[in-house]
């Protein structure tokens, strides 16, 4: 939730806009704990959370070595040639 700040919709509802389905699943998986903590702290049992994926915010992120290589290769196609000439492998 560091990258996805909650927005208050009305008195008891707030929405968290996430970047991708994985973030949404993680947030939904932890929603019981989040809501319990909020309800206890706010002393309000009517607090509800909604999640939404914002496709415009979704950025292509490279996590694995292969994804990083493909990303860099899109920027500079000569990278593939360099990899072939030196017989390099991606971990």
PDB file of N, CA and C in Angstrom:
ATOM      1  N   UNK A   1       0.819  -1.198   0.000  1.00  0.00           N
ATOM      2  CA  UNK A   1       0.000   0.000   0.000  1.00  0.00           C
ATOM      3  C   UNK A   1       0.860   1.258   0.000  1.00  0.00           C
ATOM      4  N   UNK A   2       2.168   1.086  -0.019  1.00  0.00           N
ATOM      5  CA  UNK A   2       3.049   2.248  -0.086  1.00  0.00           C
ATOM      6  C   UNK A   2       2.878   2.952  -1.429  1.00  0.00           C
ATOM      7  N   UNK A   3       2.779   2.174  -2.505  1.00  0.00           N
ATOM      8  CA  UNK A   3       2.641   2.744  -3.844  1.00  0.00           C
ATOM      9  C   UNK A   3       1.205   3.042  -4.227  1.00  0.00           C
ATOM     10  N   UNK A   4       0.266   2.488  -3.504  1.00  0.00           N
ATOM     11  CA  UNK A   4      -1.153   2.634  -3.830  1.00  0.00           C
ATOM     12  C   UNK A   4      -1.878   3.240  -2.630  1.00  0.00           C
ATOM     13  N   UNK A   5      -1.967   4.539  -2.624  1.00  0.00           N
ATOM     14  CA  UNK A   5      -2.578   5.233  -1.494  1.00  0.00           C
ATOM     15  C   UNK A   5      -4.092   5.085  -1.527  1.00  0.00           C
ATOM     16  N   UNK A   6      -4.701   4.782  -0.384  1.00  0.00           N
ATOM     17  CA  UNK A   6      -6.158   4.681  -0.323  1.00  0.00           C
ATOM     18  C   UNK A   6      -6.803   6.057  -0.477  1.00  0.00           C
ATOM     19  N   UNK A   7      -7.999   6.048  -1.087  1.00  0.00           N
ATOM     20  CA  UNK A   7      -8.758   7.279  -1.286  1.00  0.00           C
ATOM     21  C   UNK A   7     -10.117   7.102  -0.633  1.00  0.00           C
ATOM     22  N   UNK A   8     -10.507   8.045   0.196  1.00  0.00           N
ATOM     23  CA  UNK A   8     -11.797   7.996   0.875  1.00  0.00           C
ATOM     24  C   UNK A   8     -12.897   8.314  -0.126  1.00  0.00           C
ATOM     25  N   UNK A   9     -13.886   7.417  -0.246  1.00  0.00           N
ATOM     26  CA  UNK A   9     -14.991   7.615  -1.180  1.00  0.00           C
ATOM     27  C   UNK A   9     -16.162   8.311  -0.512  1.00  0.00           C
ATOM     28  N   UNK A  10     -16.525   7.833   0.651  1.00  0.00           N
ATOM     29  CA  UNK A  10     -17.565   8.468   1.453  1.00  0.00           C
ATOM     30  C   UNK A  10     -17.260   8.181   2.909  1.00  0.00           C
ATOM     31  N   UNK A  11     -18.226   8.308   3.769  1.00  0.00           N
ATOM     32  CA  UNK A  11     -17.971   8.202   5.209  1.00  0.00           C
ATOM     33  C   UNK A  11     -17.299   6.911   5.641  1.00  0.00           C
ATOM     34  N   UNK A  12     -17.681   5.798   5.045  1.00  0.00           N
ATOM     35  CA  UNK A  12     -17.187   4.519   5.540  1.00  0.00           C
ATOM     36  C   UNK A  12     -16.476   3.666   4.488  1.00  0.00           C
ATOM     37  N   UNK A  13     -16.382   4.154   3.287  1.00  0.00           N
ATOM     38  CA  UNK A  13     -15.787   3.377   2.201  1.00  0.00           C
ATOM     39  C   UNK A  13     -14.543   4.063   1.675  1.00  0.00           C
ATOM     40  N   UNK A  14     -13.522   3.248   1.416  1.00  0.00           N
ATOM     41  CA  UNK A  14     -12.332   3.765   0.772  1.00  0.00           C
ATOM     42  C   UNK A  14     -11.914   2.802  -0.334  1.00  0.00           C
ATOM     43  N   UNK A  15     -11.175   3.346  -1.283  1.00  0.00           N
ATOM     44  CA  UNK A  15     -10.757   2.568  -2.440  1.00  0.00           C
ATOM     45  C   UNK A  15      -9.240   2.619  -2.568  1.00  0.00           C
ATOM     46  N   UNK A  16      -8.674   1.480  -2.930  1.00  0.00           N
ATOM     47  CA  UNK A  16      -7.244   1.391  -3.196  1.00  0.00           C
ATOM     48  C   UNK A  16      -7.096   1.024  -4.668  1.00  0.00           C
ATOM     49  N   UNK A  17      -6.475   1.923  -5.426  1.00  0.00           N
ATOM     50  CA  UNK A  17      -6.244   1.681  -6.847  1.00  0.00           C
ATOM     51  C   UNK A  17      -4.872   1.037  -6.985  1.00  0.00           C
ATOM     52  N   UNK A  18      -4.852  -0.154  -7.567  1.00  0.00           N
ATOM     53  CA  UNK A  18      -3.608  -0.915  -7.710  1.00  0.00           C
ATOM     54  C   UNK A  18      -3.179  -0.937  -9.165  1.00  0.00           C
ATOM     55  N   UNK A  19      -1.939  -1.378  -9.395  1.00  0.00           N
ATOM     56  CA  UNK A  19      -1.361  -1.351 -10.734  1.00  0.00           C
ATOM     57  C   UNK A  19      -1.593  -2.624 -11.534  1.00  0.00           C
ATOM     58  N   UNK A  20      -1.785  -3.749 -10.859  1.00  0.00           N
ATOM     59  CA  UNK A  20      -1.919  -5.004 -11.594  1.00  0.00           C
ATOM     60  C   UNK A  20      -2.701  -6.028 -10.770  1.00  0.00           C
ATOM     61  N   UNK A  21      -3.132  -7.118 -11.402  1.00  0.00           N
ATOM     62  CA  UNK A  21      -3.911  -8.141 -10.698  1.00  0.00           C
ATOM     63  C   UNK A  21      -3.169  -8.779  -9.519  1.00  0.00           C
ATOM     64  N   UNK A  22      -1.859  -8.911  -9.604  1.00  0.00           N
ATOM     65  CA  UNK A  22      -1.093  -9.505  -8.502  1.00  0.00           C
ATOM     66  C   UNK A  22      -1.200  -8.639  -7.247  1.00  0.00           C
ATOM     67  N   UNK A  23      -1.112  -7.335  -7.412  1.00  0.00           N
ATOM     68  CA  UNK A  23      -1.259  -6.436  -6.269  1.00  0.00           C
ATOM     69  C   UNK A  23      -2.673  -6.523  -5.700  1.00  0.00           C
ATOM     70  N   UNK A  24      -3.656  -6.633  -6.585  1.00  0.00           N
ATOM     71  CA  UNK A  24      -5.038  -6.733  -6.124  1.00  0.00           C
ATOM     72  C   UNK A  24      -5.249  -8.019  -5.318  1.00  0.00           C
ATOM     73  N   UNK A  25      -4.719  -9.128  -5.798  1.00  0.00           N
ATOM     74  CA  UNK A  25      -4.844 -10.399  -5.072  1.00  0.00           C
ATOM     75  C   UNK A  25      -4.181 -10.317  -3.704  1.00  0.00           C
ATOM     76  N   UNK A  26      -2.993  -9.710  -3.649  1.00  0.00           N
ATOM     77  CA  UNK A  26      -2.279  -9.567  -2.381  1.00  0.00           C
ATOM     78  C   UNK A  26      -3.079  -8.711  -1.400  1.00  0.00           C
ATOM     79  N   UNK A  27      -3.648  -7.641  -1.894  1.00  0.00           N
ATOM     80  CA  UNK A  27      -4.433  -6.750  -1.045  1.00  0.00           C
ATOM     81  C   UNK A  27      -5.705  -7.426  -0.556  1.00  0.00           C
ATOM     82  N   UNK A  28      -6.376  -8.127  -1.444  1.00  0.00           N
ATOM     83  CA  UNK A  28      -7.594  -8.843  -1.056  1.00  0.00           C
ATOM     84  C   UNK A  28      -7.267  -9.949  -0.057  1.00  0.00           C
ATOM     85  N   UNK A  29      -6.134 -10.618  -0.258  1.00  0.00           N
ATOM     86  CA  UNK A  29      -5.714 -11.665   0.673  1.00  0.00           C
ATOM     87  C   UNK A  29      -5.442 -11.146   2.073  1.00  0.00           C
ATOM     88  N   UNK A  30      -5.038  -9.898   2.174  1.00  0.00           N
ATOM     89  CA  UNK A  30      -4.758  -9.288   3.475  1.00  0.00           C
ATOM     90  C   UNK A  30      -5.873  -8.358   3.951  1.00  0.00           C
ATOM     91  N   UNK A  31      -6.965  -8.310   3.227  1.00  0.00           N
ATOM     92  CA  UNK A  31      -8.028  -7.354   3.544  1.00  0.00           C
ATOM     93  C   UNK A  31      -8.662  -7.597   4.912  1.00  0.00           C
ATOM     94  N   UNK A  32      -8.766  -8.836   5.328  1.00  0.00           N
ATOM     95  CA  UNK A  32      -9.369  -9.124   6.636  1.00  0.00           C
ATOM     96  C   UNK A  32      -8.534  -8.496   7.750  1.00  0.00           C
ATOM     97  N   UNK A  33      -7.223  -8.684   7.674  1.00  0.00           N
ATOM     98  CA  UNK A  33      -6.336  -8.104   8.690  1.00  0.00           C
ATOM     99  C   UNK A  33      -6.354  -6.578   8.633  1.00  0.00           C
ATOM    100  N   UNK A  34      -6.337  -6.043   7.424  1.00  0.00           N
ATOM    101  CA  UNK A  34      -6.344  -4.585   7.254  1.00  0.00           C
ATOM    102  C   UNK A  34      -7.618  -3.990   7.832  1.00  0.00           C
ATOM    103  N   UNK A  35      -8.750  -4.581   7.457  1.00  0.00           N
ATOM    104  CA  UNK A  35     -10.026  -4.047   7.936  1.00  0.00           C
ATOM    105  C   UNK A  35     -10.199  -4.225   9.442  1.00  0.00           C
ATOM    106  N   UNK A  36      -9.749  -5.336   9.985  1.00  0.00           N
ATOM    107  CA  UNK A  36      -9.826  -5.521  11.443  1.00  0.00           C
ATOM    108  C   UNK A  36      -9.037  -4.441  12.160  1.00  0.00           C
ATOM    109  N   UNK A  37      -7.839  -4.165  11.697  1.00  0.00           N
ATOM    110  CA  UNK A  37      -6.998  -3.143  12.329  1.00  0.00           C
ATOM    111  C   UNK A  37      -7.636  -1.760  12.210  1.00  0.00           C
ATOM    112  N   UNK A  38      -8.141  -1.447  11.023  1.00  0.00           N
ATOM    113  CA  UNK A  38      -8.776  -0.140  10.825  1.00  0.00           C
ATOM    114  C   UNK A  38     -10.032   0.017  11.675  1.00  0.00           C
ATOM    115  N   UNK A  39     -10.855  -1.006  11.701  1.00  0.00           N
ATOM    116  CA  UNK A  39     -12.098  -0.937  12.475  1.00  0.00           C
ATOM    117  C   UNK A  39     -11.814  -0.786  13.962  1.00  0.00           C
ATOM    118  N   UNK A  40     -10.795  -1.471  14.437  1.00  0.00           N
ATOM    119  CA  UNK A  40     -10.420  -1.359  15.850  1.00  0.00           C
ATOM    120  C   UNK A  40      -9.873   0.030  16.148  1.00  0.00           C
ATOM    121  N   UNK A  41      -8.975   0.498  15.311  1.00  0.00           N
ATOM    122  CA  UNK A  41      -8.339   1.805  15.527  1.00  0.00           C
ATOM    123  C   UNK A  41      -9.343   2.952  15.401  1.00  0.00           C
ATOM    124  N   UNK A  42     -10.240   2.847  14.416  1.00  0.00           N
ATOM    125  CA  UNK A  42     -11.219   3.911  14.172  1.00  0.00           C
ATOM    126  C   UNK A  42     -12.493   3.754  14.994  1.00  0.00           C
ATOM    127  N   UNK A  43     -12.605   2.593  15.635  1.00  0.00           N
ATOM    128  CA  UNK A  43     -13.816   2.273  16.411  1.00  0.00           C
ATOM    129  C   UNK A  43     -15.065   2.424  15.547  1.00  0.00           C
ATOM    130  N   UNK A  44     -14.977   1.801  14.370  1.00  0.00           N
ATOM    131  CA  UNK A  44     -16.062   1.892  13.403  1.00  0.00           C
ATOM    132  C   UNK A  44     -16.133   0.576  12.634  1.00  0.00           C
ATOM    133  N   UNK A  45     -17.197  -0.195  12.855  1.00  0.00           N
ATOM    134  CA  UNK A  45     -17.356  -1.495  12.206  1.00  0.00           C
ATOM    135  C   UNK A  45     -17.900  -1.398  10.780  1.00  0.00           C
ATOM    136  N   UNK A  46     -18.211  -0.203  10.335  1.00  0.00           N
ATOM    137  CA  UNK A  46     -18.804  -0.035   9.012  1.00  0.00           C
ATOM    138  C   UNK A  46     -17.774   0.288   7.922  1.00  0.00           C
ATOM    139  N   UNK A  47     -16.518   0.350   8.276  1.00  0.00           N
ATOM    140  CA  UNK A  47     -15.464   0.658   7.296  1.00  0.00           C
ATOM    141  C   UNK A  47     -15.368  -0.471   6.275  1.00  0.00           C
ATOM    142  N   UNK A  48     -15.360  -0.101   4.995  1.00  0.00           N
ATOM    143  CA  UNK A  48     -15.264  -1.069   3.905  1.00  0.00           C
ATOM    144  C   UNK A  48     -14.157  -0.651   2.942  1.00  0.00           C
ATOM    145  N   UNK A  49     -13.512  -1.644   2.337  1.00  0.00           N
ATOM    146  CA  UNK A  49     -12.434  -1.381   1.397  1.00  0.00           C
ATOM    147  C   UNK A  49     -12.807  -1.932   0.023  1.00  0.00           C
ATOM    148  N   UNK A  50     -12.490  -1.168  -0.999  1.00  0.00           N
ATOM    149  CA  UNK A  50     -12.683  -1.579  -2.380  1.00  0.00           C
ATOM    150  C   UNK A  50     -11.335  -1.510  -3.093  1.00  0.00           C
ATOM    151  N   UNK A  51     -11.109  -2.416  -4.027  1.00  0.00           N
ATOM    152  CA  UNK A  51      -9.881  -2.359  -4.823  1.00  0.00           C
ATOM    153  C   UNK A  51     -10.262  -2.245  -6.296  1.00  0.00           C
ATOM    154  N   UNK A  52      -9.382  -1.588  -7.025  1.00  0.00           N
ATOM    155  CA  UNK A  52      -9.620  -1.417  -8.464  1.00  0.00           C
ATOM    156  C   UNK A  52      -8.267  -1.393  -9.162  1.00  0.00           C
ATOM    157  N   UNK A  53      -8.211  -2.039 -10.315  1.00  0.00           N
ATOM    158  CA  UNK A  53      -6.988  -2.024 -11.116  1.00  0.00           C
ATOM    159  C   UNK A  53      -7.083  -0.871 -12.101  1.00  0.00           C
ATOM    160  N   UNK A  54      -6.091  -0.003 -12.090  1.00  0.00           N
ATOM    161  CA  UNK A  54      -6.036   1.105 -13.032  1.00  0.00           C
ATOM    162  C   UNK A  54      -5.047   0.749 -14.125  1.00  0.00           C
ATOM    163  N   UNK A  55      -5.571   0.392 -15.282  1.00  0.00           N
ATOM    164  CA  UNK A  55      -4.733  -0.050 -16.399  1.00  0.00           C
ATOM    165  C   UNK A  55      -3.792   1.055 -16.877  1.00  0.00           C
ATOM    166  N   UNK A  56      -4.176   2.309 -16.692  1.00  0.00           N
ATOM    167  CA  UNK A  56      -3.310   3.403 -17.143  1.00  0.00           C
ATOM    168  C   UNK A  56      -2.069   3.518 -16.270  1.00  0.00           C
ATOM    169  N   UNK A  57      -2.147   3.036 -15.024  1.00  0.00           N
ATOM    170  CA  UNK A  57      -1.008   3.088 -14.125  1.00  0.00           C
ATOM    171  C   UNK A  57      -0.078   1.899 -14.286  1.00  0.00           C
ATOM    172  N   UNK A  58      -0.573   0.873 -14.953  1.00  0.00           N
ATOM    173  CA  UNK A  58       0.217  -0.349 -15.063  1.00  0.00           C
ATOM    174  C   UNK A  58       1.483  -0.086 -15.887  1.00  0.00           C
ATOM    175  N   UNK A  59       2.596  -0.353 -15.284  1.00  0.00           N
ATOM    176  CA  UNK A  59       3.870  -0.168 -15.940  1.00  0.00           C
ATOM    177  C   UNK A  59       4.487  -1.535 -16.167  1.00  0.00           C
ATOM    178  N   UNK A  60       5.204  -1.642 -17.254  1.00  0.00           N
ATOM    179  CA  UNK A  60       5.868  -2.902 -17.520  1.00  0.00           C
ATOM    180  C   UNK A  60       7.130  -2.947 -16.670  1.00  0.00           C
ATOM    181  N   UNK A  61       7.170  -3.881 -15.752  1.00  0.00           N
ATOM    182  CA  UNK A  61       8.315  -4.022 -14.866  1.00  0.00           C
ATOM    183  C   UNK A  61       9.015  -5.336 -15.146  1.00  0.00           C
ATOM    184  N   UNK A  62      10.318  -5.280 -15.136  1.00  0.00           N
ATOM    185  CA  UNK A  62      11.127  -6.475 -15.377  1.00  0.00           C
ATOM    186  C   UNK A  62      11.660  -6.974 -14.038  1.00  0.00           C
ATOM    187  N   UNK A  63      11.338  -8.207 -13.705  1.00  0.00           N
ATOM    188  CA  UNK A  63      11.775  -8.776 -12.439  1.00  0.00           C
ATOM    189  C   UNK A  63      12.873  -9.825 -12.623  1.00  0.00           C
ATOM    190  N   UNK A  64      12.696 -10.692 -13.599  1.00  0.00           N
ATOM    191  CA  UNK A  64      13.684 -11.755 -13.803  1.00  0.00           C
ATOM    192  C   UNK A  64      14.777 -11.270 -14.757  1.00  0.00           C
ATOM    193  N   UNK A  65      15.857 -12.017 -14.806  1.00  0.00           N
ATOM    194  CA  UNK A  65      16.965 -11.672 -15.707  1.00  0.00           C
ATOM    195  C   UNK A  65      16.511 -11.676 -17.160  1.00  0.00           C
ATOM    196  N   UNK A  66      15.702 -12.648 -17.520  1.00  0.00           N
ATOM    197  CA  UNK A  66      15.214 -12.737 -18.898  1.00  0.00           C
ATOM    198  C   UNK A  66      14.334 -11.536 -19.243  1.00  0.00           C
ATOM    199  N   UNK A  67      13.461 -11.130 -18.312  1.00  0.00           N
ATOM    200  CA  UNK A  67      12.607  -9.964 -18.549  1.00  0.00           C
ATOM    201  C   UNK A  67      13.440  -8.693 -18.663  1.00  0.00           C
ATOM    202  N   UNK A  68      14.475  -8.571 -17.849  1.00  0.00           N
ATOM    203  CA  UNK A  68      15.347  -7.404 -17.913  1.00  0.00           C
ATOM    204  C   UNK A  68      16.068  -7.351 -19.252  1.00  0.00           C
ATOM    205  N   UNK A  69      16.545  -8.514 -19.706  1.00  0.00           N
ATOM    206  CA  UNK A  69      17.222  -8.564 -20.994  1.00  0.00           C
ATOM    207  C   UNK A  69      16.277  -8.161 -22.116  1.00  0.00           C
ATOM    208  N   UNK A  70      15.067  -8.701 -22.124  1.00  0.00           N
ATOM    209  CA  UNK A  70      14.097  -8.371 -23.166  1.00  0.00           C
ATOM    210  C   UNK A  70      13.770  -6.882 -23.161  1.00  0.00           C
ATOM    211  N   UNK A  71      13.624  -6.308 -21.982  1.00  0.00           N
ATOM    212  CA  UNK A  71      13.344  -4.873 -21.867  1.00  0.00           C
ATOM    213  C   UNK A  71      14.487  -4.054 -22.467  1.00  0.00           C
ATOM    214  N   UNK A  72      15.711  -4.389 -22.093  1.00  0.00           N
ATOM    215  CA  UNK A  72      16.872  -3.665 -22.611  1.00  0.00           C
ATOM    216  C   UNK A  72      17.062  -3.918 -24.105  1.00  0.00           C
ATOM    217  N   UNK A  73      16.716  -5.122 -24.548  1.00  0.00           N
ATOM    218  CA  UNK A  73      16.847  -5.466 -25.962  1.00  0.00           C
ATOM    219  C   UNK A  73      15.862  -4.659 -26.815  1.00  0.00           C
ATOM    220  N   UNK A  74      14.701  -4.335 -26.255  1.00  0.00           N
ATOM    221  CA  UNK A  74      13.744  -3.493 -26.970  1.00  0.00           C
ATOM    222  C   UNK A  74      14.308  -2.088 -27.167  1.00  0.00           C
ATOM    223  N   UNK A  75      15.050  -1.618 -26.185  1.00  0.00           N
ATOM    224  CA  UNK A  75      15.656  -0.295 -26.278  1.00  0.00           C
ATOM    225  C   UNK A  75      16.811  -0.300 -27.271  1.00  0.00           C
ATOM    226  N   UNK A  76      17.638  -1.352 -27.203  1.00  0.00           N
ATOM    227  CA  UNK A  76      18.803  -1.448 -28.072  1.00  0.00           C
ATOM    228  C   UNK A  76      18.916  -2.878 -28.613  1.00  0.00           C
ATOM    229  N   UNK A  77      18.420  -3.112 -29.829  1.00  0.00           N
ATOM    230  CA  UNK A  77      18.440  -4.459 -30.414  1.00  0.00           C
ATOM    231  C   UNK A  77      19.847  -5.040 -30.616  1.00  0.00           C
ATOM    232  N   UNK A  78      20.867  -4.198 -30.607  1.00  0.00           N
ATOM    233  CA  UNK A  78      22.226  -4.705 -30.777  1.00  0.00           C
ATOM    234  C   UNK A  78      22.677  -5.534 -29.571  1.00  0.00           C
ATOM    235  N   UNK A  79      21.943  -5.459 -28.509  1.00  0.00           N
ATOM    236  CA  UNK A  79      22.259  -6.241 -27.314  1.00  0.00           C
ATOM    237  C   UNK A  79      22.199  -7.745 -27.616  1.00  0.00           C
ATOM    238  N   UNK A  80      21.271  -8.144 -28.453  1.00  0.00           N
ATOM    239  CA  UNK A  80      21.177  -9.569 -28.842  1.00  0.00           C
ATOM    240  C   UNK A  80      22.421 -10.006 -29.590  1.00  0.00           C
ATOM    241  N   UNK A  81      22.889  -9.151 -30.455  1.00  0.00           N
ATOM    242  CA  UNK A  81      24.107  -9.467 -31.211  1.00  0.00           C
ATOM    243  C   UNK A  81      25.304  -9.608 -30.272  1.00  0.00           C
ATOM    244  N   UNK A  82      25.406  -8.717 -29.321  1.00  0.00           N
ATOM    245  CA  UNK A  82      26.482  -8.770 -28.328  1.00  0.00           C
ATOM    246  C   UNK A  82      26.408 -10.073 -27.537  1.00  0.00           C
ATOM    247  N   UNK A  83      25.223 -10.454 -27.156  1.00  0.00           N
ATOM    248  CA  UNK A  83      25.024 -11.699 -26.401  1.00  0.00           C
ATOM    249  C   UNK A  83      25.454 -12.908 -27.225  1.00  0.00           C
ATOM    250  N   UNK A  84      25.109 -12.906 -28.515  1.00  0.00           N
ATOM    251  CA  UNK A  84      25.471 -14.028 -29.390  1.00  0.00           C
ATOM    252  C   UNK A  84      26.982 -14.085 -29.641  1.00  0.00           C
ATOM    253  N   UNK A  85      27.594 -12.936 -29.869  1.00  0.00           N
ATOM    254  CA  UNK A  85      29.027 -12.902 -30.175  1.00  0.00           C
ATOM    255  C   UNK A  85      29.877 -13.404 -29.014  1.00  0.00           C
ATOM    256  N   UNK A  86      29.482 -13.071 -27.810  1.00  0.00           N
ATOM    257  CA  UNK A  86      30.247 -13.484 -26.637  1.00  0.00           C
ATOM    258  C   UNK A  86      29.688 -14.750 -25.987  1.00  0.00           C
ATOM    259  N   UNK A  87      28.706 -15.351 -26.634  1.00  0.00           N
ATOM    260  CA  UNK A  87      28.096 -16.579 -26.147  1.00  0.00           C
ATOM    261  C   UNK A  87      27.664 -16.457 -24.678  1.00  0.00           C
ATOM    262  N   UNK A  88      26.915 -15.377 -24.397  1.00  0.00           N
ATOM    263  CA  UNK A  88      26.459 -15.109 -23.034  1.00  0.00           C
ATOM    264  C   UNK A  88      25.119 -15.784 -22.779  1.00  0.00           C
ATOM    265  N   UNK A  89      24.908 -16.177 -21.541  1.00  0.00           N
ATOM    266  CA  UNK A  89      23.644 -16.787 -21.146  1.00  0.00           C
ATOM    267  C   UNK A  89      22.980 -15.925 -20.093  1.00  0.00           C
ATOM    268  N   UNK A  90      21.667 -15.997 -20.057  1.00  0.00           N
ATOM    269  CA  UNK A  90      20.898 -15.269 -19.053  1.00  0.00           C
ATOM    270  C   UNK A  90      20.537 -16.231 -17.935  1.00  0.00           C
ATOM    271  N   UNK A  91      20.793 -15.838 -16.709  1.00  0.00           N
ATOM    272  CA  UNK A  91      20.484 -16.703 -15.553  1.00  0.00           C
ATOM    273  C   UNK A  91      18.996 -16.786 -15.323  1.00  0.00           C
TER     274      UNK A  91
END
